[in-house]
N, C-alpha and C. Protein backbone atom coordinates (compact mmCIF):
# COMPACT_ATOMS: atom_id res chain seq x y z
N ALA A 1 10.90 -22.84 6.83
CA ALA A 1 11.09 -21.65 6.02
C ALA A 1 10.74 -20.42 6.85
N VAL A 2 11.43 -19.35 6.58
CA VAL A 2 11.21 -18.07 7.26
C VAL A 2 10.60 -17.10 6.24
N VAL A 3 9.51 -16.44 6.64
CA VAL A 3 8.85 -15.45 5.79
C VAL A 3 8.77 -14.14 6.56
N VAL A 4 9.20 -13.06 5.91
CA VAL A 4 9.08 -11.73 6.51
C VAL A 4 7.96 -11.00 5.80
N MET A 5 6.99 -10.51 6.57
CA MET A 5 5.80 -9.83 6.04
C MET A 5 5.90 -8.34 6.30
N GLN A 6 5.65 -7.54 5.26
CA GLN A 6 5.63 -6.08 5.37
C GLN A 6 4.17 -5.61 5.32
N HIS A 7 3.77 -4.84 6.33
CA HIS A 7 2.41 -4.31 6.36
C HIS A 7 2.25 -3.18 5.34
N GLY A 8 1.00 -2.84 5.06
CA GLY A 8 0.68 -1.79 4.10
C GLY A 8 0.82 -0.40 4.68
N PHE A 9 0.65 0.57 3.82
CA PHE A 9 0.79 1.99 4.13
C PHE A 9 -0.15 2.40 5.26
N LEU A 10 0.43 2.93 6.33
CA LEU A 10 -0.30 3.41 7.51
C LEU A 10 -1.13 2.34 8.20
N LEU A 11 -0.78 1.08 8.03
CA LEU A 11 -1.53 0.00 8.65
C LEU A 11 -0.76 -0.61 9.81
N ASN A 12 -1.49 -1.36 10.62
CA ASN A 12 -0.89 -2.03 11.77
C ASN A 12 -0.70 -3.51 11.42
N LYS A 13 0.41 -4.07 11.86
CA LYS A 13 0.68 -5.48 11.55
C LYS A 13 -0.40 -6.40 12.12
N ALA A 14 -1.09 -5.98 13.14
CA ALA A 14 -2.15 -6.80 13.74
C ALA A 14 -3.29 -7.06 12.75
N TYR A 15 -3.46 -6.20 11.75
CA TYR A 15 -4.52 -6.39 10.76
C TYR A 15 -4.30 -7.67 9.94
N TYR A 16 -3.10 -8.20 9.97
CA TYR A 16 -2.75 -9.36 9.16
C TYR A 16 -2.70 -10.65 10.00
N SER A 17 -3.20 -10.60 11.22
CA SER A 17 -3.05 -11.74 12.13
C SER A 17 -3.63 -13.04 11.56
N GLU A 18 -4.76 -12.97 10.86
CA GLU A 18 -5.34 -14.21 10.31
C GLU A 18 -4.44 -14.86 9.27
N ILE A 19 -3.96 -14.07 8.34
CA ILE A 19 -3.12 -14.65 7.29
C ILE A 19 -1.77 -15.11 7.85
N LEU A 20 -1.23 -14.37 8.81
CA LEU A 20 0.05 -14.76 9.41
C LEU A 20 -0.10 -16.04 10.23
N THR A 21 -1.19 -16.15 10.97
CA THR A 21 -1.46 -17.37 11.72
C THR A 21 -1.65 -18.55 10.78
N HIS A 22 -2.33 -18.32 9.68
CA HIS A 22 -2.53 -19.38 8.69
C HIS A 22 -1.19 -19.85 8.12
N LEU A 23 -0.32 -18.92 7.76
CA LEU A 23 1.01 -19.31 7.25
C LEU A 23 1.77 -20.10 8.30
N ALA A 24 1.74 -19.64 9.54
CA ALA A 24 2.46 -20.33 10.62
C ALA A 24 1.90 -21.73 10.83
N SER A 25 0.60 -21.91 10.63
CA SER A 25 -0.01 -23.23 10.82
C SER A 25 0.49 -24.24 9.79
N HIS A 26 1.08 -23.75 8.72
CA HIS A 26 1.65 -24.63 7.69
C HIS A 26 3.15 -24.80 7.85
N GLY A 27 3.68 -24.40 9.00
CA GLY A 27 5.08 -24.64 9.30
C GLY A 27 6.03 -23.49 9.00
N PHE A 28 5.51 -22.38 8.52
CA PHE A 28 6.38 -21.23 8.26
C PHE A 28 6.66 -20.48 9.55
N ILE A 29 7.87 -19.98 9.67
CA ILE A 29 8.20 -19.04 10.74
C ILE A 29 7.96 -17.66 10.14
N VAL A 30 7.01 -16.93 10.72
CA VAL A 30 6.59 -15.65 10.14
C VAL A 30 7.08 -14.51 11.02
N VAL A 31 7.77 -13.56 10.41
CA VAL A 31 8.25 -12.37 11.09
C VAL A 31 7.48 -11.18 10.52
N ALA A 32 6.81 -10.44 11.40
CA ALA A 32 6.05 -9.27 10.96
C ALA A 32 6.33 -8.13 11.92
N ALA A 33 7.16 -7.22 11.50
CA ALA A 33 7.52 -6.07 12.35
C ALA A 33 6.59 -4.91 12.07
N GLN A 34 6.33 -4.11 13.08
CA GLN A 34 5.62 -2.85 12.88
C GLN A 34 6.66 -1.83 12.46
N MET A 35 6.60 -1.42 11.19
CA MET A 35 7.65 -0.58 10.63
C MET A 35 7.58 0.86 11.12
N TYR A 36 6.40 1.34 11.42
CA TYR A 36 6.21 2.69 11.95
C TYR A 36 4.79 2.75 12.50
N SER A 37 4.54 3.69 13.37
CA SER A 37 3.21 3.85 13.94
C SER A 37 2.24 4.32 12.86
N SER A 38 1.04 3.80 12.88
CA SER A 38 0.05 4.21 11.90
C SER A 38 -0.42 5.65 12.15
N PHE A 39 0.04 6.26 13.24
CA PHE A 39 -0.31 7.64 13.55
C PHE A 39 0.86 8.59 13.30
N SER A 40 1.93 8.09 12.68
CA SER A 40 3.10 8.92 12.43
C SER A 40 3.30 9.11 10.93
N ILE A 41 4.20 10.00 10.59
CA ILE A 41 4.56 10.18 9.19
C ILE A 41 5.44 9.00 8.81
N PRO A 42 5.04 8.24 7.79
CA PRO A 42 5.85 7.06 7.42
C PRO A 42 7.19 7.47 6.83
N PRO A 43 8.16 6.58 6.95
CA PRO A 43 9.47 6.87 6.35
C PRO A 43 9.39 6.84 4.83
N SER A 44 10.44 7.33 4.21
CA SER A 44 10.51 7.25 2.75
C SER A 44 10.60 5.78 2.34
N ILE A 45 10.35 5.51 1.08
CA ILE A 45 10.47 4.15 0.56
C ILE A 45 11.89 3.63 0.81
N ALA A 46 12.89 4.46 0.52
CA ALA A 46 14.29 4.04 0.70
C ALA A 46 14.59 3.73 2.16
N ASP A 47 14.13 4.58 3.08
CA ASP A 47 14.39 4.35 4.51
C ASP A 47 13.67 3.11 5.02
N GLU A 48 12.41 2.93 4.59
CA GLU A 48 11.68 1.75 5.03
C GLU A 48 12.30 0.48 4.47
N THR A 49 12.76 0.53 3.23
CA THR A 49 13.44 -0.63 2.63
C THR A 49 14.70 -0.97 3.40
N GLU A 50 15.45 0.05 3.79
CA GLU A 50 16.67 -0.18 4.57
C GLU A 50 16.34 -0.82 5.92
N ASP A 51 15.32 -0.30 6.60
CA ASP A 51 14.90 -0.88 7.88
C ASP A 51 14.41 -2.32 7.70
N ALA A 52 13.63 -2.55 6.65
CA ALA A 52 13.12 -3.91 6.37
C ALA A 52 14.25 -4.88 6.08
N THR A 53 15.27 -4.40 5.40
CA THR A 53 16.43 -5.25 5.10
C THR A 53 17.15 -5.65 6.39
N LYS A 54 17.24 -4.73 7.33
CA LYS A 54 17.85 -5.06 8.63
C LYS A 54 17.04 -6.14 9.35
N ILE A 55 15.73 -6.04 9.29
CA ILE A 55 14.87 -7.05 9.91
C ILE A 55 15.05 -8.39 9.21
N SER A 56 15.12 -8.39 7.89
CA SER A 56 15.32 -9.63 7.14
C SER A 56 16.66 -10.26 7.45
N THR A 57 17.69 -9.44 7.59
CA THR A 57 19.01 -9.96 7.96
C THR A 57 18.94 -10.63 9.33
N TRP A 58 18.25 -9.99 10.26
CA TRP A 58 18.07 -10.57 11.60
C TRP A 58 17.30 -11.89 11.49
N ALA A 59 16.24 -11.91 10.69
CA ALA A 59 15.39 -13.11 10.57
C ALA A 59 16.14 -14.28 9.93
N ARG A 60 17.17 -14.00 9.15
CA ARG A 60 17.97 -15.06 8.54
C ARG A 60 19.00 -15.62 9.52
N GLY A 61 19.14 -14.98 10.65
CA GLY A 61 20.12 -15.40 11.65
C GLY A 61 19.59 -16.53 12.52
N ASP A 62 20.22 -16.70 13.66
CA ASP A 62 19.87 -17.78 14.58
C ASP A 62 18.67 -17.39 15.42
N LEU A 63 17.53 -17.95 15.13
CA LEU A 63 16.29 -17.65 15.84
C LEU A 63 15.97 -18.67 16.92
N THR A 64 16.85 -19.65 17.12
CA THR A 64 16.53 -20.74 18.03
C THR A 64 16.26 -20.27 19.45
N GLY A 65 16.86 -19.20 19.89
CA GLY A 65 16.65 -18.73 21.25
C GLY A 65 15.29 -18.11 21.49
N ILE A 66 14.58 -17.74 20.45
CA ILE A 66 13.28 -17.09 20.64
C ILE A 66 12.10 -17.93 20.15
N LEU A 67 12.39 -19.04 19.50
CA LEU A 67 11.32 -19.90 18.98
C LEU A 67 10.94 -20.96 20.00
N PRO A 68 9.72 -21.46 19.93
CA PRO A 68 9.30 -22.52 20.84
C PRO A 68 10.17 -23.77 20.66
N ALA A 69 10.26 -24.57 21.70
CA ALA A 69 11.04 -25.81 21.64
C ALA A 69 10.53 -26.68 20.49
N GLY A 70 11.45 -27.26 19.77
CA GLY A 70 11.11 -28.14 18.67
C GLY A 70 10.94 -27.45 17.33
N VAL A 71 10.92 -26.12 17.32
CA VAL A 71 10.81 -25.38 16.06
C VAL A 71 12.22 -25.04 15.59
N THR A 72 12.58 -25.58 14.46
CA THR A 72 13.92 -25.37 13.92
C THR A 72 13.83 -24.52 12.67
N PRO A 73 14.41 -23.33 12.70
CA PRO A 73 14.34 -22.48 11.52
C PRO A 73 15.21 -23.01 10.38
N ALA A 74 14.80 -22.72 9.18
CA ALA A 74 15.59 -23.04 7.99
C ALA A 74 15.77 -21.74 7.22
N PRO A 75 16.68 -20.88 7.69
CA PRO A 75 16.81 -19.56 7.07
C PRO A 75 17.27 -19.61 5.61
N GLU A 76 17.76 -20.76 5.16
CA GLU A 76 18.12 -20.86 3.74
C GLU A 76 16.86 -20.91 2.87
N ALA A 77 15.72 -21.23 3.48
CA ALA A 77 14.43 -21.18 2.78
C ALA A 77 13.75 -19.90 3.25
N PHE A 78 13.99 -18.81 2.54
CA PHE A 78 13.61 -17.48 3.00
C PHE A 78 12.73 -16.79 1.97
N GLY A 79 11.65 -16.17 2.43
CA GLY A 79 10.77 -15.45 1.53
C GLY A 79 10.35 -14.11 2.08
N LEU A 80 9.95 -13.25 1.16
CA LEU A 80 9.45 -11.93 1.51
C LEU A 80 8.03 -11.80 0.98
N MET A 81 7.17 -11.15 1.76
CA MET A 81 5.83 -10.85 1.28
C MET A 81 5.40 -9.51 1.85
N GLY A 82 4.48 -8.89 1.17
CA GLY A 82 3.98 -7.62 1.66
C GLY A 82 2.65 -7.30 1.02
N HIS A 83 1.93 -6.41 1.70
CA HIS A 83 0.63 -5.94 1.21
C HIS A 83 0.76 -4.46 0.83
N SER A 84 0.21 -4.08 -0.31
CA SER A 84 0.14 -2.70 -0.74
C SER A 84 1.54 -2.11 -0.83
N ARG A 85 1.81 -1.01 -0.13
CA ARG A 85 3.16 -0.44 -0.12
C ARG A 85 4.15 -1.43 0.48
N GLY A 86 3.72 -2.25 1.40
CA GLY A 86 4.60 -3.26 1.99
C GLY A 86 5.12 -4.23 0.93
N ALA A 87 4.30 -4.51 -0.09
CA ALA A 87 4.77 -5.36 -1.20
C ALA A 87 5.85 -4.62 -1.98
N GLN A 88 5.65 -3.33 -2.20
CA GLN A 88 6.68 -2.55 -2.88
C GLN A 88 8.00 -2.64 -2.10
N ILE A 89 7.93 -2.54 -0.79
CA ILE A 89 9.13 -2.64 0.05
C ILE A 89 9.75 -4.03 -0.10
N ALA A 90 8.94 -5.08 -0.06
CA ALA A 90 9.46 -6.44 -0.21
C ALA A 90 10.14 -6.62 -1.57
N PHE A 91 9.53 -6.10 -2.62
CA PHE A 91 10.12 -6.21 -3.95
C PHE A 91 11.41 -5.41 -4.04
N TRP A 92 11.47 -4.22 -3.42
CA TRP A 92 12.72 -3.46 -3.39
C TRP A 92 13.80 -4.25 -2.66
N GLN A 93 13.44 -4.88 -1.55
CA GLN A 93 14.41 -5.71 -0.83
C GLN A 93 14.97 -6.80 -1.74
N ALA A 94 14.08 -7.49 -2.42
CA ALA A 94 14.51 -8.58 -3.31
C ALA A 94 15.42 -8.04 -4.41
N GLU A 95 15.10 -6.85 -4.93
CA GLU A 95 15.92 -6.25 -5.98
C GLU A 95 17.32 -5.92 -5.47
N ARG A 96 17.42 -5.53 -4.21
CA ARG A 96 18.72 -5.14 -3.64
C ARG A 96 19.47 -6.28 -3.00
N ASP A 97 18.88 -7.47 -2.98
CA ASP A 97 19.50 -8.63 -2.36
C ASP A 97 20.62 -9.17 -3.25
N THR A 98 21.83 -8.83 -2.91
CA THR A 98 22.97 -9.24 -3.74
C THR A 98 23.43 -10.66 -3.44
N THR A 99 22.90 -11.26 -2.39
CA THR A 99 23.33 -12.61 -2.01
C THR A 99 22.40 -13.68 -2.57
N SER A 100 21.35 -13.29 -3.25
CA SER A 100 20.37 -14.22 -3.83
C SER A 100 19.75 -15.15 -2.78
N THR A 101 19.51 -14.62 -1.60
CA THR A 101 18.93 -15.45 -0.55
C THR A 101 17.42 -15.36 -0.48
N VAL A 102 16.82 -14.45 -1.23
CA VAL A 102 15.36 -14.37 -1.25
C VAL A 102 14.88 -15.46 -2.19
N GLY A 103 14.31 -16.52 -1.62
CA GLY A 103 13.90 -17.67 -2.40
C GLY A 103 12.50 -17.57 -2.98
N ALA A 104 11.66 -16.69 -2.41
CA ALA A 104 10.30 -16.53 -2.91
C ALA A 104 9.81 -15.13 -2.55
N LEU A 105 8.88 -14.64 -3.35
CA LEU A 105 8.39 -13.28 -3.20
C LEU A 105 6.87 -13.28 -3.43
N VAL A 106 6.13 -12.62 -2.53
CA VAL A 106 4.67 -12.56 -2.65
C VAL A 106 4.22 -11.11 -2.47
N GLY A 107 3.40 -10.64 -3.40
CA GLY A 107 2.79 -9.32 -3.29
C GLY A 107 1.29 -9.46 -3.15
N LEU A 108 0.74 -8.97 -2.04
CA LEU A 108 -0.70 -9.00 -1.79
C LEU A 108 -1.27 -7.65 -2.23
N ASP A 109 -1.94 -7.62 -3.34
CA ASP A 109 -2.44 -6.41 -3.97
C ASP A 109 -1.39 -5.30 -3.87
N PRO A 110 -0.24 -5.54 -4.51
CA PRO A 110 0.89 -4.60 -4.41
C PRO A 110 0.58 -3.27 -5.06
N VAL A 111 1.19 -2.22 -4.51
CA VAL A 111 1.05 -0.88 -5.05
C VAL A 111 2.43 -0.27 -5.18
N ASP A 112 2.72 0.25 -6.36
CA ASP A 112 4.00 0.90 -6.63
C ASP A 112 3.80 2.41 -6.57
N GLY A 113 4.89 3.13 -6.53
CA GLY A 113 4.80 4.57 -6.40
C GLY A 113 4.54 4.91 -4.94
N SER A 114 4.42 6.19 -4.65
CA SER A 114 4.21 6.58 -3.26
C SER A 114 3.70 8.00 -3.20
N PRO A 115 2.78 8.27 -2.28
CA PRO A 115 2.38 9.67 -2.09
C PRO A 115 3.54 10.50 -1.53
N LEU A 116 4.56 9.84 -1.04
CA LEU A 116 5.72 10.53 -0.47
C LEU A 116 6.88 10.62 -1.46
N GLY A 117 6.66 10.17 -2.69
CA GLY A 117 7.73 10.20 -3.69
C GLY A 117 8.58 8.95 -3.62
N GLY A 118 9.50 8.85 -4.51
CA GLY A 118 10.39 7.70 -4.53
C GLY A 118 10.29 6.95 -5.84
N ALA A 119 11.31 6.19 -6.13
CA ALA A 119 11.37 5.43 -7.38
C ALA A 119 10.34 4.30 -7.37
N ARG A 120 9.91 3.94 -8.57
CA ARG A 120 8.98 2.83 -8.74
C ARG A 120 9.78 1.56 -8.98
N VAL A 121 9.51 0.53 -8.23
CA VAL A 121 10.25 -0.73 -8.35
C VAL A 121 9.92 -1.44 -9.66
N THR A 122 8.74 -1.21 -10.22
CA THR A 122 8.35 -1.91 -11.43
C THR A 122 8.88 -1.27 -12.71
N ASP A 123 9.39 -0.06 -12.64
CA ASP A 123 9.81 0.64 -13.86
C ASP A 123 10.92 -0.07 -14.62
N GLY A 124 11.87 -0.64 -13.92
CA GLY A 124 12.98 -1.32 -14.60
C GLY A 124 12.78 -2.81 -14.73
N GLY A 125 11.63 -3.32 -14.34
CA GLY A 125 11.44 -4.76 -14.31
C GLY A 125 11.99 -5.33 -13.02
N ILE A 126 11.49 -6.44 -12.61
CA ILE A 126 11.94 -7.11 -11.39
C ILE A 126 12.94 -8.18 -11.82
N THR A 127 14.17 -8.02 -11.40
CA THR A 127 15.20 -8.97 -11.81
C THR A 127 15.16 -10.20 -10.91
N GLY A 128 15.88 -11.20 -11.28
CA GLY A 128 15.93 -12.42 -10.48
C GLY A 128 14.95 -13.45 -10.99
N MET A 129 15.27 -14.68 -10.70
CA MET A 129 14.46 -15.80 -11.18
C MET A 129 13.86 -16.56 -10.01
N ARG A 130 13.35 -15.86 -9.03
CA ARG A 130 12.77 -16.50 -7.85
C ARG A 130 11.27 -16.70 -8.08
N PRO A 131 10.69 -17.74 -7.50
CA PRO A 131 9.24 -17.90 -7.59
C PRO A 131 8.55 -16.66 -7.02
N THR A 132 7.62 -16.11 -7.79
CA THR A 132 6.92 -14.89 -7.38
C THR A 132 5.43 -15.08 -7.57
N LEU A 133 4.67 -14.68 -6.55
CA LEU A 133 3.22 -14.71 -6.61
C LEU A 133 2.69 -13.30 -6.45
N VAL A 134 1.88 -12.87 -7.39
CA VAL A 134 1.23 -11.56 -7.32
C VAL A 134 -0.27 -11.82 -7.15
N ILE A 135 -0.82 -11.33 -6.05
CA ILE A 135 -2.25 -11.48 -5.79
C ILE A 135 -2.88 -10.10 -5.92
N GLY A 136 -3.79 -9.96 -6.85
CA GLY A 136 -4.46 -8.69 -7.07
C GLY A 136 -5.93 -8.75 -6.70
N THR A 137 -6.57 -7.59 -6.72
CA THR A 137 -8.00 -7.53 -6.45
C THR A 137 -8.70 -6.82 -7.60
N GLY A 138 -9.89 -7.25 -7.87
CA GLY A 138 -10.67 -6.63 -8.93
C GLY A 138 -11.22 -5.27 -8.54
N LEU A 139 -11.50 -5.07 -7.25
CA LEU A 139 -12.09 -3.81 -6.80
C LEU A 139 -11.06 -2.84 -6.23
N GLY A 140 -9.80 -3.26 -6.13
CA GLY A 140 -8.76 -2.39 -5.58
C GLY A 140 -8.60 -1.06 -6.28
N PRO A 141 -8.71 -1.03 -7.61
CA PRO A 141 -8.56 0.26 -8.30
C PRO A 141 -9.72 1.24 -8.11
N GLN A 142 -10.84 0.78 -7.55
CA GLN A 142 -11.98 1.67 -7.38
C GLN A 142 -11.77 2.61 -6.20
N SER A 143 -12.24 3.83 -6.35
CA SER A 143 -12.19 4.81 -5.27
C SER A 143 -13.21 4.43 -4.20
N PRO A 144 -12.85 4.52 -2.91
CA PRO A 144 -13.81 4.17 -1.87
C PRO A 144 -14.91 5.22 -1.68
N GLY A 145 -14.76 6.39 -2.29
CA GLY A 145 -15.80 7.41 -2.15
C GLY A 145 -15.34 8.73 -2.74
N PRO A 146 -16.22 9.71 -2.72
CA PRO A 146 -15.85 11.01 -3.29
C PRO A 146 -14.67 11.63 -2.53
N PHE A 147 -13.80 12.25 -3.28
CA PHE A 147 -12.61 12.92 -2.74
C PHE A 147 -11.61 11.96 -2.11
N GLN A 148 -11.75 10.66 -2.38
CA GLN A 148 -10.82 9.67 -1.85
C GLN A 148 -10.18 8.94 -3.03
N PRO A 149 -8.86 8.98 -3.10
CA PRO A 149 -8.21 8.26 -4.20
C PRO A 149 -8.27 6.75 -3.99
N SER A 150 -8.07 6.04 -5.06
CA SER A 150 -8.00 4.58 -4.98
C SER A 150 -6.79 4.17 -4.17
N CYS A 151 -6.93 3.11 -3.38
CA CYS A 151 -5.79 2.58 -2.62
C CYS A 151 -4.81 1.84 -3.53
N ALA A 152 -5.32 1.28 -4.61
CA ALA A 152 -4.48 0.51 -5.54
C ALA A 152 -4.79 0.96 -6.96
N PRO A 153 -4.28 2.14 -7.35
CA PRO A 153 -4.60 2.66 -8.69
C PRO A 153 -4.24 1.67 -9.80
N GLU A 154 -5.04 1.67 -10.83
CA GLU A 154 -4.89 0.74 -11.95
C GLU A 154 -3.46 0.67 -12.48
N ASP A 155 -2.83 1.82 -12.70
CA ASP A 155 -1.49 1.86 -13.28
C ASP A 155 -0.38 1.51 -12.30
N ASP A 156 -0.68 1.50 -11.01
CA ASP A 156 0.34 1.24 -9.99
C ASP A 156 0.12 -0.06 -9.24
N GLY A 157 -0.89 -0.82 -9.60
CA GLY A 157 -1.27 -2.00 -8.84
C GLY A 157 -0.70 -3.30 -9.36
N HIS A 158 -1.45 -4.36 -9.12
CA HIS A 158 -0.96 -5.71 -9.40
C HIS A 158 -0.60 -5.92 -10.87
N LYS A 159 -1.26 -5.24 -11.78
CA LYS A 159 -0.94 -5.40 -13.20
C LYS A 159 0.48 -4.92 -13.50
N ALA A 160 0.90 -3.82 -12.87
CA ALA A 160 2.26 -3.31 -13.07
C ALA A 160 3.29 -4.30 -12.53
N PHE A 161 3.01 -4.88 -11.38
CA PHE A 161 3.93 -5.87 -10.80
C PHE A 161 3.99 -7.11 -11.68
N TRP A 162 2.82 -7.57 -12.13
CA TRP A 162 2.77 -8.76 -12.97
C TRP A 162 3.58 -8.55 -14.25
N SER A 163 3.47 -7.37 -14.84
CA SER A 163 4.20 -7.07 -16.07
C SER A 163 5.71 -7.01 -15.84
N ALA A 164 6.12 -6.75 -14.61
CA ALA A 164 7.54 -6.53 -14.31
C ALA A 164 8.29 -7.77 -13.83
N VAL A 165 7.58 -8.83 -13.42
CA VAL A 165 8.27 -9.99 -12.84
C VAL A 165 8.72 -10.98 -13.92
N ASN A 166 9.68 -11.79 -13.55
CA ASN A 166 10.19 -12.86 -14.41
C ASN A 166 9.61 -14.20 -13.97
N ALA A 167 9.62 -15.15 -14.86
CA ALA A 167 9.23 -16.52 -14.51
C ALA A 167 10.30 -17.13 -13.61
N PRO A 168 9.93 -18.00 -12.73
CA PRO A 168 8.59 -18.55 -12.53
C PRO A 168 7.73 -17.57 -11.72
N ALA A 169 6.53 -17.32 -12.21
CA ALA A 169 5.65 -16.38 -11.53
C ALA A 169 4.20 -16.78 -11.77
N TRP A 170 3.37 -16.41 -10.81
CA TRP A 170 1.94 -16.69 -10.87
C TRP A 170 1.19 -15.44 -10.45
N ARG A 171 0.01 -15.26 -11.02
CA ARG A 171 -0.86 -14.14 -10.61
C ARG A 171 -2.25 -14.69 -10.38
N VAL A 172 -2.84 -14.26 -9.28
CA VAL A 172 -4.21 -14.59 -8.93
C VAL A 172 -4.92 -13.27 -8.72
N VAL A 173 -6.10 -13.12 -9.29
CA VAL A 173 -6.88 -11.91 -9.09
C VAL A 173 -8.22 -12.31 -8.46
N THR A 174 -8.48 -11.77 -7.30
CA THR A 174 -9.76 -12.00 -6.63
C THR A 174 -10.70 -10.89 -7.08
N VAL A 175 -11.46 -11.16 -8.12
CA VAL A 175 -12.20 -10.11 -8.84
C VAL A 175 -13.26 -9.41 -8.00
N GLU A 176 -13.79 -10.06 -6.99
CA GLU A 176 -14.86 -9.46 -6.20
C GLU A 176 -14.38 -8.93 -4.84
N HIS A 177 -13.08 -8.74 -4.71
CA HIS A 177 -12.53 -8.24 -3.45
C HIS A 177 -11.84 -6.90 -3.66
N GLY A 178 -11.78 -6.13 -2.58
CA GLY A 178 -11.12 -4.84 -2.61
C GLY A 178 -9.74 -4.90 -2.00
N HIS A 179 -9.10 -3.79 -1.97
CA HIS A 179 -7.71 -3.69 -1.54
C HIS A 179 -7.50 -4.07 -0.07
N MET A 180 -8.43 -3.76 0.77
CA MET A 180 -8.27 -4.04 2.20
C MET A 180 -8.92 -5.36 2.59
C-alpha cells in the first residue's frame, strides 16, 4: 500500500520521521513531500491541495525504479494522511478525487479553516465511503500561552472532522496529549 503524508502548517516533514518509519516498518510505502519551506509564506489551501494532488498522482504511478529491490508497490491500495492543516489538505484531496482511488484517509489532530482564508472542508460533510480514522488530542484546543492562539481550536479540530465523515470511520482521542 502507498500512503501520502501531508505535514502540518509551517512544519518540516522531518518532524514526522518516527511515525513515517513506523508505518514503513509495517510494509507501507510512505511518501512525504516538503510542501513549502517552514520559513516561507505557505500557499493557499487550494494551491497546496493542487500540489498535493500532483504528488499523489505521481505516487500512484510506477515507483519500481526508486524503491529498494524486492519492494513492490500496490498503488491500488492508496491512502492519504495528514497532521493539522496537512489533514485538511488530505481531506480536500479525497473530496476532489473523482476516480475513487483514495482507499483510506487519516487525520492526525486535523484542523479546518486557515489563517490564510479558504473554504472549510468539513462544512459540507466529507463525502465518500472510505475507511477514515480521525485522531484527536485532548489538549490540542488549549492555548500554549498568553497571546498565542490554540493550534487546534475546539470548533475547527478533530470534533468537526468526526462530525463530517461517513462510515466506516473511527475516532481516537489521546486526552493527555497536545497538538504537536
